[in-house]
Amino acid sequence: GVGISLSGLASAVANAGGIGIISGTGISIEELRQHIRKARASIKGEGYIGVNVLFAMNDFAEKMKAAIEEKVDFIISGAGIS
């Protein structure tokens, strides 16, 4: 992650009627939680927020658990580096 696909972009996309995705790459578990909460707080009306967590990451399970606990609408998971 280069820090683009975080709460600001995700909430803007959700507010425009799209599906906002927060990248779980390059941020800590607590930062992921904060971005999910910030995106949710920035959505006006109904909007969808999800996370993208790469399976190849060392903290994959912990980030998945955090996303579930924060009640994201969906989770995208790929193999990551192939």
Protein backbone atom coordinates (compact mmCIF):
# COMPACT_ATOMS: atom_id res chain seq x y z
CA GLY A 1 0.00 0.00 0.00
CA VAL A 2 1.03 3.49 -0.80
CA GLY A 3 -1.54 5.06 1.50
CA ILE A 4 -4.11 5.98 -1.15
CA SER A 5 -6.83 3.42 -0.52
CA LEU A 6 -7.69 4.37 3.04
CA SER A 7 -10.68 5.98 4.79
CA GLY A 8 -10.75 9.20 2.75
CA LEU A 9 -11.03 7.52 -0.63
CA ALA A 10 -13.22 4.69 0.66
CA SER A 11 -15.79 7.06 2.18
CA ALA A 12 -15.79 9.31 -0.92
CA VAL A 13 -16.46 6.30 -3.15
CA ALA A 14 -19.19 5.04 -0.81
CA ASN A 15 -20.80 8.49 -0.73
CA ALA A 16 -20.78 8.54 -4.55
CA GLY A 17 -22.71 5.25 -4.62
CA GLY A 18 -19.76 2.94 -5.08
CA ILE A 19 -18.10 0.36 -2.88
CA GLY A 20 -15.39 1.88 -0.68
CA ILE A 21 -12.38 -0.35 -0.12
CA ILE A 22 -9.72 0.18 2.53
CA SER A 23 -6.37 -1.48 1.90
CA GLY A 24 -5.00 -3.46 4.83
CA THR A 25 -1.49 -3.37 3.37
CA GLY A 26 1.17 -1.17 4.94
CA ILE A 27 -0.84 -0.19 8.02
CA SER A 28 -1.08 -1.63 11.51
CA ILE A 29 -4.11 -3.45 12.85
CA GLU A 30 -5.05 -0.44 14.98
CA GLU A 31 -4.70 1.88 11.97
CA LEU A 32 -6.99 -0.45 10.01
CA ARG A 33 -9.57 -0.19 12.79
CA GLN A 34 -9.25 3.60 12.82
CA HIS A 35 -9.68 3.87 9.05
CA ILE A 36 -12.77 1.64 9.12
CA ARG A 37 -14.31 3.78 11.87
CA LYS A 38 -13.37 7.04 10.15
CA ALA A 39 -14.82 5.87 6.83
CA ARG A 40 -18.07 4.78 8.50
CA ALA A 41 -18.37 8.14 10.26
CA SER A 42 -17.86 10.00 6.95
CA ILE A 43 -20.56 8.17 5.01
CA LYS A 44 -23.76 10.12 4.44
CA GLY A 45 -26.67 7.72 4.14
CA GLU A 46 -26.14 4.16 3.05
CA GLY A 47 -22.72 3.23 1.79
CA TYR A 48 -20.62 0.10 1.67
CA ILE A 49 -17.18 -0.17 3.25
CA GLY A 50 -14.93 -3.18 2.90
CA VAL A 51 -11.29 -4.09 3.32
CA ASN A 52 -8.72 -5.78 1.12
CA VAL A 53 -6.35 -8.01 3.09
CA LEU A 54 -3.61 -9.96 1.34
CA PHE A 55 -3.28 -13.57 2.45
CA ALA A 56 0.51 -13.37 2.13
CA MET A 57 0.78 -10.82 4.96
CA ASN A 58 2.18 -11.95 8.32
CA ASP A 59 -0.73 -10.37 10.21
CA PHE A 60 -3.46 -11.67 7.87
CA ALA A 61 -5.50 -13.46 10.57
CA GLU A 62 -5.37 -10.52 12.97
CA LYS A 63 -6.45 -8.05 10.28
CA MET A 64 -9.30 -10.33 9.21
CA LYS A 65 -10.44 -10.56 12.84
CA ALA A 66 -10.25 -6.77 13.23
CA ALA A 67 -12.28 -6.22 10.05
CA ILE A 68 -14.94 -8.67 11.23
CA GLU A 69 -15.08 -7.06 14.67
CA GLU A 70 -15.48 -3.64 13.05
CA LYS A 71 -18.39 -5.06 11.03
CA VAL A 72 -17.21 -4.17 7.53
CA ASP A 73 -19.68 -4.98 4.79
CA PHE A 74 -17.27 -7.29 2.96
CA ILE A 75 -13.69 -8.54 2.85
CA ILE A 76 -11.60 -9.05 -0.27
CA SER A 77 -8.70 -11.44 0.12
CA GLY A 78 -6.20 -12.49 -2.49
CA ALA A 79 -3.02 -14.48 -2.48
CA GLY A 80 -0.93 -11.34 -2.70
CA ILE A 81 2.57 -11.90 -3.98
CA SER A 82 2.72 -14.82 -6.39
